[in-house]
Amino acid sequence: MLNPPEASQTGRALTTVVVIVVALILQVSVANRLPLPGGVQPDLVLLAVVALALVSGSMTGMVTGFLAGLAADIVPPADHTIGRYALVYCLIGYLCGIASAEMDRQTLVPFFAVAAGALAGTVLYAVTGMILGDPRAQWDTVSSMVPLQVGYDVVASPFVVWAVLRVTRRYERGERSRGDRLSVPAARYRAMSGRGGGL
């Protein structure tokens, strides 16, 4: 009786790792090379952390955010104080995980939640830069770049949310098939994928 849940937890952890690794690779090799106006790019790693937190809850969001942020701090071209992304992503993952319990079953709610998480993460990263004395985190620069950053994140968020829901579906479906129809992860998945119906 205990083996299937353990397998599901292992599968979920591996899926989370794969999502973050793919997001990091796409960030470095694709997103960072996009010649977008303003010289900023969408933060795919932050979007992946937010989406995973909304699916899996605050603890997963916090741990995933910390590890993903630490990786983003180290992976080239890292040109900032190590730990900034780890702190920001950890906090955002935790807060989005808490918010996931309050989401209703409307299809668009997760996308708005990801957009809000992207806004909070971008602002928090800028604030930490100001506190640490990063010369690029001057108010004039931040006030002009944050709206662009958030806009790009909002445009990219539907694709990231859709991808995360697709790769996590099999484990959520497995939990439902074991008869735990009212479990929190399964309910969250149904809410985020618009398959809520009436319980």
Protein backbone atom coordinates (compact mmCIF):
# COMPACT_ATOMS: atom_id res chain seq x y z
CA MET A 1 0.00 0.00 0.00
CA LEU A 2 2.89 2.38 0.66
CA ASN A 3 4.82 1.81 -2.58
CA PRO A 4 2.52 3.64 -5.05
CA PRO A 5 2.48 6.93 -3.08
CA GLU A 6 6.26 6.75 -2.71
CA ALA A 7 6.63 6.21 -6.45
CA SER A 8 4.37 9.17 -7.09
CA GLN A 9 6.43 11.38 -4.77
CA THR A 10 9.62 10.28 -6.51
CA GLY A 11 8.09 10.91 -9.90
CA ARG A 12 6.90 14.34 -8.79
CA ALA A 13 10.37 15.25 -7.49
CA LEU A 14 12.02 14.12 -10.72
CA THR A 15 9.46 16.04 -12.75
CA THR A 16 10.16 19.18 -10.72
CA VAL A 17 13.90 18.82 -11.30
CA VAL A 18 13.37 18.31 -15.03
CA VAL A 19 11.11 21.37 -15.27
CA ILE A 20 13.67 23.59 -13.52
CA VAL A 21 16.62 22.26 -15.54
CA VAL A 22 14.75 22.77 -18.82
CA ALA A 23 13.73 26.27 -17.72
CA LEU A 24 17.36 27.13 -16.89
CA ILE A 25 18.59 25.81 -20.23
CA LEU A 26 15.93 27.72 -22.14
CA GLN A 27 16.66 30.86 -20.12
CA VAL A 28 20.39 30.79 -20.87
CA SER A 29 20.29 29.53 -24.46
CA VAL A 30 17.09 31.14 -25.78
CA ALA A 31 15.46 33.81 -23.60
CA ASN A 32 18.68 35.65 -22.73
CA ARG A 33 19.55 35.90 -26.42
CA LEU A 34 16.25 37.44 -27.53
CA PRO A 35 16.79 40.97 -28.88
CA LEU A 36 13.78 42.41 -27.06
CA PRO A 37 13.22 46.15 -26.57
CA GLY A 38 14.59 47.48 -23.31
CA GLY A 39 17.36 44.91 -23.04
CA VAL A 40 15.39 42.63 -20.68
CA GLN A 41 14.06 39.12 -21.20
CA PRO A 42 11.30 36.99 -19.68
CA ASP A 43 12.36 35.12 -16.54
CA LEU A 44 11.42 31.54 -17.43
CA VAL A 45 12.91 30.12 -14.24
CA LEU A 46 10.80 32.38 -12.05
CA LEU A 47 7.69 31.47 -14.05
CA ALA A 48 8.47 27.76 -13.66
CA VAL A 49 8.91 28.16 -9.89
CA VAL A 50 5.59 30.00 -9.58
CA ALA A 51 3.75 27.42 -11.68
CA LEU A 52 5.20 24.50 -9.71
CA ALA A 53 4.33 26.20 -6.42
CA LEU A 54 0.73 26.72 -7.55
CA VAL A 55 0.47 23.03 -8.44
CA SER A 56 2.33 21.49 -5.49
CA GLY A 57 1.99 23.88 -2.54
CA SER A 58 4.13 26.11 -0.36
CA MET A 59 6.77 23.62 0.80
CA THR A 60 7.54 22.44 -2.72
CA GLY A 61 7.44 26.03 -3.93
CA MET A 62 9.89 27.17 -1.26
CA VAL A 63 12.40 24.33 -1.77
CA THR A 64 12.10 24.47 -5.56
CA GLY A 65 12.46 28.23 -5.53
CA PHE A 66 15.59 28.12 -3.37
CA LEU A 67 17.31 25.43 -5.46
CA ALA A 68 16.28 26.99 -8.78
CA GLY A 69 17.41 30.40 -7.59
CA LEU A 70 20.75 29.04 -6.39
CA ALA A 71 21.27 27.44 -9.79
CA ALA A 72 20.36 30.72 -11.51
CA ASP A 73 22.86 32.50 -9.25
CA ILE A 74 25.66 30.19 -10.37
CA VAL A 75 24.90 29.43 -14.03
CA PRO A 76 26.72 31.82 -16.39
CA PRO A 77 26.35 34.63 -17.15
CA ALA A 78 25.86 35.25 -13.42
CA ASP A 79 26.85 38.86 -12.79
CA HIS A 80 25.26 39.56 -9.41
CA THR A 81 25.65 38.67 -5.74
CA ILE A 82 25.17 34.94 -5.21
CA GLY A 83 22.01 34.28 -3.26
CA ARG A 84 19.77 37.01 -4.66
CA TYR A 85 17.82 34.73 -6.94
CA ALA A 86 17.77 32.01 -4.27
CA LEU A 87 16.17 34.40 -1.78
CA VAL A 88 13.69 35.89 -4.25
CA TYR A 89 12.58 32.60 -5.80
CA CYS A 90 12.31 30.93 -2.38
CA LEU A 91 10.00 33.66 -1.06
CA ILE A 92 7.92 33.80 -4.23
CA GLY A 93 7.59 30.02 -4.35
CA TYR A 94 6.44 29.94 -0.75
CA LEU A 95 3.90 32.75 -1.16
CA CYS A 96 2.49 31.32 -4.39
CA GLY A 97 2.22 27.91 -2.77
CA ILE A 98 0.16 29.42 0.05
CA ALA A 99 -2.01 31.28 -2.46
CA SER A 100 -2.69 28.07 -4.38
CA ALA A 101 -4.90 26.79 -1.57
CA GLU A 102 -7.20 29.79 -2.02
CA MET A 103 -7.57 29.59 -5.79
CA ASP A 104 -10.98 28.84 -7.22
CA ARG A 105 -11.68 26.66 -10.24
CA GLN A 106 -11.72 29.34 -12.93
CA THR A 107 -9.38 28.47 -15.76
CA LEU A 108 -7.67 31.87 -15.98
CA VAL A 109 -6.89 32.20 -12.27
CA PRO A 110 -3.54 30.34 -12.41
CA PHE A 111 -2.35 32.56 -15.26
CA PHE A 112 -3.14 35.71 -13.28
CA ALA A 113 -1.42 34.16 -10.26
CA VAL A 114 1.71 33.50 -12.31
CA ALA A 115 1.65 37.08 -13.60
CA ALA A 116 1.33 38.38 -10.01
CA GLY A 117 4.19 36.13 -8.91
CA ALA A 118 6.33 37.40 -11.77
CA LEU A 119 5.60 41.01 -10.77
CA ALA A 120 6.43 40.33 -7.12
CA GLY A 121 9.61 38.46 -8.01
CA THR A 122 10.85 41.17 -10.36
CA VAL A 123 10.19 43.94 -7.84
CA LEU A 124 11.77 41.95 -4.99
CA TYR A 125 14.89 41.25 -7.06
CA ALA A 126 15.20 44.96 -7.84
CA VAL A 127 14.75 45.88 -4.17
CA THR A 128 17.44 43.43 -3.05
CA GLY A 129 19.74 44.96 -5.65
CA MET A 130 19.14 48.41 -4.20
CA ILE A 131 19.80 47.14 -0.68
CA LEU A 132 23.05 45.47 -1.74
CA GLY A 133 24.21 48.54 -3.64
CA ASP A 134 24.05 47.07 -7.14
CA PRO A 135 24.83 50.03 -9.44
CA ARG A 136 22.36 48.68 -12.02
CA ALA A 137 19.56 48.82 -9.46
CA GLN A 138 19.19 52.59 -9.49
CA TRP A 139 15.61 53.84 -9.25
CA ASP A 140 15.58 55.36 -12.74
CA THR A 141 16.75 52.10 -14.30
CA VAL A 142 14.46 49.90 -12.22
CA SER A 143 11.37 52.03 -12.85
CA SER A 144 11.84 51.75 -16.60
CA MET A 145 12.86 48.06 -16.75
CA VAL A 146 10.41 46.48 -14.28
CA PRO A 147 7.29 47.15 -16.41
CA LEU A 148 9.00 45.64 -19.45
CA GLN A 149 10.21 42.63 -17.45
CA VAL A 150 6.75 42.00 -16.05
CA GLY A 151 5.17 42.44 -19.47
CA TYR A 152 7.47 39.85 -21.02
CA ASP A 153 6.83 37.49 -18.11
CA VAL A 154 3.07 37.88 -18.54
CA VAL A 155 3.33 37.08 -22.25
CA ALA A 156 5.44 33.99 -21.54
CA SER A 157 3.40 32.79 -18.54
CA PRO A 158 0.61 30.92 -20.42
CA PHE A 159 3.19 28.77 -22.19
CA VAL A 160 5.05 27.98 -18.96
CA VAL A 161 1.85 27.21 -17.02
CA TRP A 162 0.59 24.96 -19.82
CA ALA A 163 3.91 23.11 -19.97
CA VAL A 164 4.04 22.58 -16.19
CA LEU A 165 0.46 21.31 -16.11
CA ARG A 166 1.20 18.92 -18.95
CA VAL A 167 4.27 17.37 -17.31
CA THR A 168 2.66 17.10 -13.86
CA ARG A 169 -0.64 15.68 -15.12
CA ARG A 170 0.36 12.01 -15.06
CA TYR A 171 1.19 12.03 -11.34
CA GLU A 172 -1.94 13.94 -10.40
CA ARG A 173 -3.98 11.53 -12.50
CA GLY A 174 -2.29 8.62 -10.72
CA GLU A 175 -3.37 10.01 -7.36
CA ARG A 176 -6.96 10.34 -8.52
CA SER A 177 -6.97 6.76 -9.84
CA ARG A 178 -6.02 5.48 -6.36
CA GLY A 179 -9.34 6.79 -5.10
CA ASP A 180 -8.14 9.87 -3.25
CA ARG A 181 -10.48 12.14 -5.16
CA LEU A 182 -10.51 14.89 -2.57
CA SER A 183 -6.75 15.06 -2.03
CA VAL A 184 -5.28 18.55 -2.15
CA PRO A 185 -2.84 17.99 -5.07
CA ALA A 186 -5.55 16.42 -7.25
CA ALA A 187 -7.99 19.18 -6.41
CA ARG A 188 -5.35 21.76 -7.25
CA TYR A 189 -4.67 20.16 -10.59
CA ARG A 190 -8.35 20.06 -11.48
CA ALA A 191 -8.70 23.69 -10.48
CA MET A 192 -5.70 24.81 -12.54
CA SER A 193 -6.52 22.77 -15.60
CA GLY A 194 -10.14 23.92 -15.70
CA ARG A 195 -11.52 20.43 -15.09
CA GLY A 196 -13.11 21.26 -11.78
CA GLY A 197 -16.75 20.45 -12.44
CA GLY A 198 -18.88 20.39 -9.33
CA LEU A 199 -17.63 18.60 -6.23
